[in-house]
Amino acid sequence: FLFLGLFIGAGLYFQSQGVDYAFYQLPSVIAILP
């Protein structure tokens, strides 16, 4: 749940900021480390 929360949360944040490819800004291999 932590992995999914970080990955999804980052995507939603960058999407709210209007960043292109928002859900790909935080690499999944980094989100899974915590």
PDB file of all heavy atoms in Angstrom:
ATOM      1  N   PHE A   1       0.827  -1.204   0.000  1.00  0.00           N
ATOM      2  CA  PHE A   1       0.000   0.000   0.000  1.00  0.00           C
ATOM      3  C   PHE A   1       0.864   1.258   0.000  1.00  0.00           C
ATOM      4  O   PHE A   1       0.503   2.272  -0.612  1.00  0.00           O
ATOM      5  CB  PHE A   1      -0.928  -0.002   1.219  1.00  0.00           C
ATOM      6  CG  PHE A   1      -1.954  -1.091   1.194  1.00  0.00           C
ATOM      7  CD1 PHE A   1      -2.327  -1.738   2.366  1.00  0.00           C
ATOM      8  CD2 PHE A   1      -2.547  -1.489   0.009  1.00  0.00           C
ATOM      9  CE1 PHE A   1      -3.271  -2.753   2.353  1.00  0.00           C
ATOM     10  CE2 PHE A   1      -3.484  -2.510  -0.023  1.00  0.00           C
ATOM     11  CZ  PHE A   1      -3.852  -3.138   1.148  1.00  0.00           C
ATOM     12  N   LEU A   2       1.991   1.205   0.693  1.00  0.00           N
ATOM     13  CA  LEU A   2       2.907   2.347   0.696  1.00  0.00           C
ATOM     14  C   LEU A   2       3.444   2.606  -0.704  1.00  0.00           C
ATOM     15  O   LEU A   2       3.499   3.757  -1.158  1.00  0.00           O
ATOM     16  CB  LEU A   2       4.059   2.093   1.672  1.00  0.00           C
ATOM     17  CG  LEU A   2       5.149   3.171   1.722  1.00  0.00           C
ATOM     18  CD1 LEU A   2       4.558   4.516   2.148  1.00  0.00           C
ATOM     19  CD2 LEU A   2       6.280   2.760   2.664  1.00  0.00           C
ATOM     20  N   PHE A   3       3.853   1.538  -1.391  1.00  0.00           N
ATOM     21  CA  PHE A   3       4.349   1.659  -2.764  1.00  0.00           C
ATOM     22  C   PHE A   3       3.291   2.283  -3.668  1.00  0.00           C
ATOM     23  O   PHE A   3       3.554   3.260  -4.383  1.00  0.00           O
ATOM     24  CB  PHE A   3       4.759   0.276  -3.276  1.00  0.00           C
ATOM     25  CG  PHE A   3       4.966   0.188  -4.771  1.00  0.00           C
ATOM     26  CD1 PHE A   3       5.746   1.109  -5.444  1.00  0.00           C
ATOM     27  CD2 PHE A   3       4.371  -0.834  -5.508  1.00  0.00           C
ATOM     28  CE1 PHE A   3       5.938   1.026  -6.818  1.00  0.00           C
ATOM     29  CE2 PHE A   3       4.552  -0.923  -6.871  1.00  0.00           C
ATOM     30  CZ  PHE A   3       5.329   0.008  -7.529  1.00  0.00           C
ATOM     31  N   LEU A   4       2.073   1.739  -3.626  1.00  0.00           N
ATOM     32  CA  LEU A   4       1.006   2.258  -4.481  1.00  0.00           C
ATOM     33  C   LEU A   4       0.646   3.691  -4.094  1.00  0.00           C
ATOM     34  O   LEU A   4       0.397   4.537  -4.960  1.00  0.00           O
ATOM     35  CB  LEU A   4      -0.229   1.359  -4.377  1.00  0.00           C
ATOM     36  CG  LEU A   4      -0.073  -0.077  -4.889  1.00  0.00           C
ATOM     37  CD1 LEU A   4      -1.362  -0.861  -4.685  1.00  0.00           C
ATOM     38  CD2 LEU A   4       0.325  -0.090  -6.358  1.00  0.00           C
ATOM     39  N   GLY A   5       0.645   3.970  -2.779  1.00  0.00           N
ATOM     40  CA  GLY A   5       0.319   5.310  -2.320  1.00  0.00           C
ATOM     41  C   GLY A   5       1.313   6.349  -2.796  1.00  0.00           C
ATOM     42  O   GLY A   5       0.931   7.446  -3.242  1.00  0.00           O
ATOM     43  N   LEU A   6       2.590   6.030  -2.713  1.00  0.00           N
ATOM     44  CA  LEU A   6       3.626   6.959  -3.182  1.00  0.00           C
ATOM     45  C   LEU A   6       3.530   7.175  -4.691  1.00  0.00           C
ATOM     46  O   LEU A   6       3.599   8.306  -5.177  1.00  0.00           O
ATOM     47  CB  LEU A   6       5.015   6.419  -2.816  1.00  0.00           C
ATOM     48  CG  LEU A   6       5.404   6.485  -1.337  1.00  0.00           C
ATOM     49  CD1 LEU A   6       6.720   5.749  -1.114  1.00  0.00           C
ATOM     50  CD2 LEU A   6       5.518   7.939  -0.879  1.00  0.00           C
ATOM     51  N   PHE A   7       3.370   6.072  -5.422  1.00  0.00           N
ATOM     52  CA  PHE A   7       3.335   6.143  -6.878  1.00  0.00           C
ATOM     53  C   PHE A   7       2.113   6.925  -7.362  1.00  0.00           C
ATOM     54  O   PHE A   7       2.207   7.819  -8.202  1.00  0.00           O
ATOM     55  CB  PHE A   7       3.337   4.729  -7.452  1.00  0.00           C
ATOM     56  CG  PHE A   7       3.597   4.659  -8.929  1.00  0.00           C
ATOM     57  CD1 PHE A   7       4.866   4.905  -9.432  1.00  0.00           C
ATOM     58  CD2 PHE A   7       2.601   4.344  -9.825  1.00  0.00           C
ATOM     59  CE1 PHE A   7       5.127   4.844 -10.792  1.00  0.00           C
ATOM     60  CE2 PHE A   7       2.841   4.275 -11.190  1.00  0.00           C
ATOM     61  CZ  PHE A   7       4.108   4.523 -11.672  1.00  0.00           C
ATOM     62  N   ILE A   8       0.948   6.577  -6.790  1.00  0.00           N
ATOM     63  CA  ILE A   8      -0.290   7.248  -7.200  1.00  0.00           C
ATOM     64  C   ILE A   8      -0.320   8.691  -6.690  1.00  0.00           C
ATOM     65  O   ILE A   8      -0.713   9.614  -7.414  1.00  0.00           O
ATOM     66  CB  ILE A   8      -1.517   6.481  -6.663  1.00  0.00           C
ATOM     67  CG1 ILE A   8      -1.555   5.066  -7.241  1.00  0.00           C
ATOM     68  CG2 ILE A   8      -2.809   7.203  -7.009  1.00  0.00           C
ATOM     69  CD1 ILE A   8      -2.480   4.133  -6.506  1.00  0.00           C
ATOM     70  N   GLY A   9       0.099   8.868  -5.434  1.00  0.00           N
ATOM     71  CA  GLY A   9       0.082  10.206  -4.858  1.00  0.00           C
ATOM     72  C   GLY A   9       0.944  11.181  -5.630  1.00  0.00           C
ATOM     73  O   GLY A   9       0.544  12.321  -5.891  1.00  0.00           O
ATOM     74  N   ALA A  10       2.133  10.730  -6.024  1.00  0.00           N
ATOM     75  CA  ALA A  10       3.016  11.584  -6.815  1.00  0.00           C
ATOM     76  C   ALA A  10       2.382  11.921  -8.163  1.00  0.00           C
ATOM     77  O   ALA A  10       2.445  13.064  -8.631  1.00  0.00           O
ATOM     78  CB  ALA A  10       4.365  10.899  -7.021  1.00  0.00           C
ATOM     79  N   GLY A  11       1.753  10.928  -8.767  1.00  0.00           N
ATOM     80  CA  GLY A  11       1.100  11.153 -10.052  1.00  0.00           C
ATOM     81  C   GLY A  11      -0.021  12.169  -9.957  1.00  0.00           C
ATOM     82  O   GLY A  11      -0.143  13.066 -10.806  1.00  0.00           O
ATOM     83  N   LEU A  12      -0.851  12.042  -8.915  1.00  0.00           N
ATOM     84  CA  LEU A  12      -1.950  12.992  -8.734  1.00  0.00           C
ATOM     85  C   LEU A  12      -1.421  14.401  -8.454  1.00  0.00           C
ATOM     86  O   LEU A  12      -1.980  15.388  -8.944  1.00  0.00           O
ATOM     87  CB  LEU A  12      -2.846  12.523  -7.587  1.00  0.00           C
ATOM     88  CG  LEU A  12      -3.652  11.243  -7.849  1.00  0.00           C
ATOM     89  CD1 LEU A  12      -4.376  10.808  -6.580  1.00  0.00           C
ATOM     90  CD2 LEU A  12      -4.649  11.452  -8.986  1.00  0.00           C
ATOM     91  N   TYR A  13      -0.341  14.473  -7.678  1.00  0.00           N
ATOM     92  CA  TYR A  13       0.237  15.792  -7.379  1.00  0.00           C
ATOM     93  C   TYR A  13       0.743  16.469  -8.652  1.00  0.00           C
ATOM     94  O   TYR A  13       0.415  17.628  -8.928  1.00  0.00           O
ATOM     95  CB  TYR A  13       1.378  15.658  -6.369  1.00  0.00           C
ATOM     96  CG  TYR A  13       2.184  16.931  -6.225  1.00  0.00           C
ATOM     97  CD1 TYR A  13       1.692  18.003  -5.500  1.00  0.00           C
ATOM     98  CD2 TYR A  13       3.434  17.056  -6.852  1.00  0.00           C
ATOM     99  CE1 TYR A  13       2.419  19.191  -5.390  1.00  0.00           C
ATOM    100  CE2 TYR A  13       4.166  18.224  -6.741  1.00  0.00           C
ATOM    101  CZ  TYR A  13       3.651  19.291  -6.012  1.00  0.00           C
ATOM    102  OH  TYR A  13       4.365  20.465  -5.921  1.00  0.00           O
ATOM    103  N   PHE A  14       1.548  15.747  -9.421  1.00  0.00           N
ATOM    104  CA  PHE A  14       2.101  16.343 -10.642  1.00  0.00           C
ATOM    105  C   PHE A  14       1.005  16.637 -11.664  1.00  0.00           C
ATOM    106  O   PHE A  14       1.104  17.591 -12.435  1.00  0.00           O
ATOM    107  CB  PHE A  14       3.160  15.417 -11.239  1.00  0.00           C
ATOM    108  CG  PHE A  14       4.449  15.395 -10.475  1.00  0.00           C
ATOM    109  CD1 PHE A  14       4.888  14.242  -9.845  1.00  0.00           C
ATOM    110  CD2 PHE A  14       5.231  16.534 -10.386  1.00  0.00           C
ATOM    111  CE1 PHE A  14       6.075  14.223  -9.122  1.00  0.00           C
ATOM    112  CE2 PHE A  14       6.422  16.536  -9.675  1.00  0.00           C
ATOM    113  CZ  PHE A  14       6.846  15.373  -9.036  1.00  0.00           C
ATOM    114  N   GLN A  15      -0.046  15.814 -11.649  1.00  0.00           N
ATOM    115  CA  GLN A  15      -1.175  16.078 -12.543  1.00  0.00           C
ATOM    116  C   GLN A  15      -1.859  17.387 -12.163  1.00  0.00           C
ATOM    117  O   GLN A  15      -2.242  18.174 -13.038  1.00  0.00           O
ATOM    118  CB  GLN A  15      -2.162  14.920 -12.472  1.00  0.00           C
ATOM    119  CG  GLN A  15      -3.265  14.977 -13.519  1.00  0.00           C
ATOM    120  CD  GLN A  15      -4.155  13.750 -13.469  1.00  0.00           C
ATOM    121  OE1 GLN A  15      -4.799  13.472 -12.464  1.00  0.00           O
ATOM    122  NE2 GLN A  15      -4.196  12.989 -14.551  1.00  0.00           N
ATOM    123  N   SER A  16      -2.001  17.631 -10.860  1.00  0.00           N
ATOM    124  CA  SER A  16      -2.620  18.876 -10.402  1.00  0.00           C
ATOM    125  C   SER A  16      -1.770  20.093 -10.752  1.00  0.00           C
ATOM    126  O   SER A  16      -2.281  21.210 -10.853  1.00  0.00           O
ATOM    127  CB  SER A  16      -2.856  18.830  -8.892  1.00  0.00           C
ATOM    128  OG  SER A  16      -1.625  18.865  -8.180  1.00  0.00           O
ATOM    129  N   GLN A  17      -0.471  19.864 -10.934  1.00  0.00           N
ATOM    130  CA  GLN A  17       0.448  20.948 -11.302  1.00  0.00           C
ATOM    131  C   GLN A  17       0.549  21.129 -12.818  1.00  0.00           C
ATOM    132  O   GLN A  17       1.279  21.997 -13.297  1.00  0.00           O
ATOM    133  CB  GLN A  17       1.842  20.667 -10.735  1.00  0.00           C
ATOM    134  CG  GLN A  17       1.892  20.550  -9.218  1.00  0.00           C
ATOM    135  CD  GLN A  17       1.443  21.817  -8.514  1.00  0.00           C
ATOM    136  OE1 GLN A  17       1.932  22.906  -8.812  1.00  0.00           O
ATOM    137  NE2 GLN A  17       0.498  21.683  -7.591  1.00  0.00           N
ATOM    138  N   GLY A  18      -0.192  20.304 -13.548  1.00  0.00           N
ATOM    139  CA  GLY A  18      -0.189  20.405 -15.008  1.00  0.00           C
ATOM    140  C   GLY A  18       1.059  19.865 -15.671  1.00  0.00           C
ATOM    141  O   GLY A  18       1.374  20.242 -16.807  1.00  0.00           O
ATOM    142  N   VAL A  19       1.763  18.980 -14.986  1.00  0.00           N
ATOM    143  CA  VAL A  19       2.995  18.404 -15.536  1.00  0.00           C
ATOM    144  C   VAL A  19       2.641  17.297 -16.532  1.00  0.00           C
ATOM    145  O   VAL A  19       1.771  16.460 -16.260  1.00  0.00           O
ATOM    146  CB  VAL A  19       3.882  17.828 -14.408  1.00  0.00           C
ATOM    147  CG1 VAL A  19       5.125  17.167 -14.981  1.00  0.00           C
ATOM    148  CG2 VAL A  19       4.258  18.937 -13.436  1.00  0.00           C
ATOM    149  N   ASP A  20       3.286  17.281 -17.688  1.00  0.00           N
ATOM    150  CA  ASP A  20       3.075  16.222 -18.673  1.00  0.00           C
ATOM    151  C   ASP A  20       3.558  14.888 -18.116  1.00  0.00           C
ATOM    152  O   ASP A  20       4.540  14.822 -17.379  1.00  0.00           O
ATOM    153  CB  ASP A  20       3.829  16.538 -19.971  1.00  0.00           C
ATOM    154  CG  ASP A  20       3.237  17.729 -20.713  1.00  0.00           C
ATOM    155  OD1 ASP A  20       2.046  18.019 -20.490  1.00  0.00           O
ATOM    156  OD2 ASP A  20       3.968  18.367 -21.490  1.00  0.00           O
ATOM    157  N   TYR A  21       2.843  13.816 -18.503  1.00  0.00           N
ATOM    158  CA  TYR A  21       3.202  12.460 -18.040  1.00  0.00           C
ATOM    159  C   TYR A  21       3.355  12.440 -16.508  1.00  0.00           C
ATOM    160  O   TYR A  21       4.347  11.956 -15.969  1.00  0.00           O
ATOM    161  CB  TYR A  21       4.479  11.963 -18.708  1.00  0.00           C
ATOM    162  CG  TYR A  21       4.350  11.818 -20.207  1.00  0.00           C
ATOM    163  CD1 TYR A  21       4.719  12.847 -21.061  1.00  0.00           C
ATOM    164  CD2 TYR A  21       3.847  10.640 -20.764  1.00  0.00           C
ATOM    165  CE1 TYR A  21       4.579  12.724 -22.438  1.00  0.00           C
ATOM    166  CE2 TYR A  21       3.711  10.502 -22.138  1.00  0.00           C
ATOM    167  CZ  TYR A  21       4.075  11.552 -22.965  1.00  0.00           C
ATOM    168  OH  TYR A  21       3.936  11.413 -24.328  1.00  0.00           O
ATOM    169  N   ALA A  22       2.319  12.974 -15.844  1.00  0.00           N
ATOM    170  CA  ALA A  22       2.385  13.159 -14.393  1.00  0.00           C
ATOM    171  C   ALA A  22       2.671  11.869 -13.641  1.00  0.00           C
ATOM    172  O   ALA A  22       3.434  11.864 -12.667  1.00  0.00           O
ATOM    173  CB  ALA A  22       1.068  13.772 -13.895  1.00  0.00           C
ATOM    174  N   PHE A  23       2.070  10.761 -14.086  1.00  0.00           N
ATOM    175  CA  PHE A  23       2.221   9.507 -13.360  1.00  0.00           C
ATOM    176  C   PHE A  23       3.558   8.817 -13.647  1.00  0.00           C
ATOM    177  O   PHE A  23       3.794   7.718 -13.168  1.00  0.00           O
ATOM    178  CB  PHE A  23       1.062   8.559 -13.684  1.00  0.00           C
ATOM    179  CG  PHE A  23      -0.208   8.903 -12.949  1.00  0.00           C
ATOM    180  CD1 PHE A  23      -1.050   9.914 -13.395  1.00  0.00           C
ATOM    181  CD2 PHE A  23      -0.553   8.226 -11.792  1.00  0.00           C
ATOM    182  CE1 PHE A  23      -2.206  10.234 -12.713  1.00  0.00           C
ATOM    183  CE2 PHE A  23      -1.707   8.544 -11.095  1.00  0.00           C
ATOM    184  CZ  PHE A  23      -2.538   9.551 -11.558  1.00  0.00           C
ATOM    185  N   TYR A  24       4.404   9.473 -14.414  1.00  0.00           N
ATOM    186  CA  TYR A  24       5.710   8.894 -14.730  1.00  0.00           C
ATOM    187  C   TYR A  24       6.860   9.776 -14.220  1.00  0.00           C
ATOM    188  O   TYR A  24       8.013   9.529 -14.531  1.00  0.00           O
ATOM    189  CB  TYR A  24       5.835   8.675 -16.242  1.00  0.00           C
ATOM    190  CG  TYR A  24       4.826   7.660 -16.733  1.00  0.00           C
ATOM    191  CD1 TYR A  24       3.535   8.058 -17.054  1.00  0.00           C
ATOM    192  CD2 TYR A  24       5.140   6.311 -16.813  1.00  0.00           C
ATOM    193  CE1 TYR A  24       2.586   7.129 -17.454  1.00  0.00           C
ATOM    194  CE2 TYR A  24       4.197   5.371 -17.218  1.00  0.00           C
ATOM    195  CZ  TYR A  24       2.927   5.794 -17.539  1.00  0.00           C
ATOM    196  OH  TYR A  24       1.974   4.869 -17.932  1.00  0.00           O
ATOM    197  N   GLN A  25       6.510  10.790 -13.406  1.00  0.00           N
ATOM    198  CA  GLN A  25       7.545  11.673 -12.862  1.00  0.00           C
ATOM    199  C   GLN A  25       8.326  11.004 -11.737  1.00  0.00           C
ATOM    200  O   GLN A  25       9.529  11.198 -11.603  1.00  0.00           O
ATOM    201  CB  GLN A  25       6.914  12.979 -12.365  1.00  0.00           C
ATOM    202  CG  GLN A  25       6.289  13.837 -13.459  1.00  0.00           C
ATOM    203  CD  GLN A  25       7.280  14.196 -14.549  1.00  0.00           C
ATOM    204  OE1 GLN A  25       8.348  14.729 -14.269  1.00  0.00           O
ATOM    205  NE2 GLN A  25       6.938  13.899 -15.796  1.00  0.00           N
ATOM    206  N   LEU A  26       7.633  10.245 -10.894  1.00  0.00           N
ATOM    207  CA  LEU A  26       8.315   9.486  -9.844  1.00  0.00           C
ATOM    208  C   LEU A  26       8.509   8.065 -10.355  1.00  0.00           C
ATOM    209  O   LEU A  26       7.545   7.303 -10.459  1.00  0.00           O
ATOM    210  CB  LEU A  26       7.491   9.467  -8.554  1.00  0.00           C
ATOM    211  CG  LEU A  26       8.076   8.617  -7.408  1.00  0.00           C
ATOM    212  CD1 LEU A  26       9.414   9.184  -6.951  1.00  0.00           C
ATOM    213  CD2 LEU A  26       7.097   8.522  -6.245  1.00  0.00           C
ATOM    214  N   PRO A  27       9.726   7.674 -10.695  1.00  0.00           N
ATOM    215  CA  PRO A  27       9.950   6.324 -11.228  1.00  0.00           C
ATOM    216  C   PRO A  27       9.479   5.258 -10.240  1.00  0.00           C
ATOM    217  O   PRO A  27       9.664   5.392  -9.026  1.00  0.00           O
ATOM    218  CB  PRO A  27      11.475   6.276 -11.413  1.00  0.00           C
ATOM    219  CG  PRO A  27      11.890   7.702 -11.543  1.00  0.00           C
ATOM    220  CD  PRO A  27      10.968   8.466 -10.640  1.00  0.00           C
ATOM    221  N   SER A  28       8.874   4.217 -10.766  1.00  0.00           N
ATOM    222  CA  SER A  28       8.347   3.159  -9.913  1.00  0.00           C
ATOM    223  C   SER A  28       9.449   2.491  -9.095  1.00  0.00           C
ATOM    224  O   SER A  28       9.214   2.060  -7.961  1.00  0.00           O
ATOM    225  CB  SER A  28       7.623   2.114 -10.772  1.00  0.00           C
ATOM    226  OG  SER A  28       8.486   1.605 -11.782  1.00  0.00           O
ATOM    227  N   VAL A  29      10.659   2.427  -9.656  1.00  0.00           N
ATOM    228  CA  VAL A  29      11.754   1.767  -8.932  1.00  0.00           C
ATOM    229  C   VAL A  29      12.209   2.586  -7.724  1.00  0.00           C
ATOM    230  O   VAL A  29      12.830   2.053  -6.804  1.00  0.00           O
ATOM    231  CB  VAL A  29      12.955   1.499  -9.872  1.00  0.00           C
ATOM    232  CG1 VAL A  29      12.582   0.481 -10.931  1.00  0.00           C
ATOM    233  CG2 VAL A  29      13.447   2.788 -10.516  1.00  0.00           C
ATOM    234  N   ILE A  30      11.901   3.879  -7.721  1.00  0.00           N
ATOM    235  CA  ILE A  30      12.199   4.715  -6.559  1.00  0.00           C
ATOM    236  C   ILE A  30      11.051   4.636  -5.554  1.00  0.00           C
ATOM    237  O   ILE A  30      11.268   4.546  -4.339  1.00  0.00           O
ATOM    238  CB  ILE A  30      12.429   6.179  -6.979  1.00  0.00           C
ATOM    239  CG1 ILE A  30      13.592   6.260  -7.986  1.00  0.00           C
ATOM    240  CG2 ILE A  30      12.706   7.051  -5.765  1.00  0.00           C
ATOM    241  CD1 ILE A  30      14.906   5.694  -7.473  1.00  0.00           C
ATOM    242  N   ALA A  31       9.822   4.627  -6.068  1.00  0.00           N
ATOM    243  CA  ALA A  31       8.657   4.569  -5.185  1.00  0.00           C
ATOM    244  C   ALA A  31       8.610   3.286  -4.368  1.00  0.00           C
ATOM    245  O   ALA A  31       8.053   3.266  -3.265  1.00  0.00           O
ATOM    246  CB  ALA A  31       7.376   4.702  -6.016  1.00  0.00           C
ATOM    247  N   ILE A  32       9.196   2.221  -4.878  1.00  0.00           N
ATOM    248  CA  ILE A  32       9.127   0.936  -4.175  1.00  0.00           C
ATOM    249  C   ILE A  32      10.185   0.808  -3.071  1.00  0.00           C
ATOM    250  O   ILE A  32      10.048  -0.031  -2.173  1.00  0.00           O
ATOM    251  CB  ILE A  32       9.262  -0.237  -5.173  1.00  0.00           C
ATOM    252  CG1 ILE A  32       8.705  -1.532  -4.553  1.00  0.00           C
ATOM    253  CG2 ILE A  32      10.705  -0.445  -5.602  1.00  0.00           C
ATOM    254  CD1 ILE A  32       8.648  -2.688  -5.522  1.00  0.00           C
ATOM    255  N   LEU A  33      11.214   1.649  -3.081  1.00  0.00           N
ATOM    256  CA  LEU A  33      12.288   1.522  -2.092  1.00  0.00           C
ATOM    257  C   LEU A  33      11.801   1.715  -0.651  1.00  0.00           C
ATOM    258  O   LEU A  33      12.147   0.914   0.230  1.00  0.00           O
ATOM    259  CB  LEU A  33      13.425   2.493  -2.427  1.00  0.00           C
ATOM    260  CG  LEU A  33      14.174   2.214  -3.740  1.00  0.00           C
ATOM    261  CD1 LEU A  33      15.273   3.262  -3.952  1.00  0.00           C
ATOM    262  CD2 LEU A  33      14.767   0.819  -3.738  1.00  0.00           C
ATOM    263  N   PRO A  34      11.001   2.763  -0.349  1.00  0.00           N
ATOM    264  CA  PRO A  34      10.486   2.882   1.021  1.00  0.00           C
ATOM    265  C   PRO A  34       9.632   1.681   1.427  1.00  0.00           C
ATOM    266  O   PRO A  34       9.622   1.283   2.604  1.00  0.00           O
ATOM    267  CB  PRO A  34       9.654   4.166   0.984  1.00  0.00           C
ATOM    268  CG  PRO A  34      10.223   4.949  -0.152  1.00  0.00           C
ATOM    269  CD  PRO A  34      10.614   3.922  -1.170  1.00  0.00           C
TER     270      PRO A  34
END
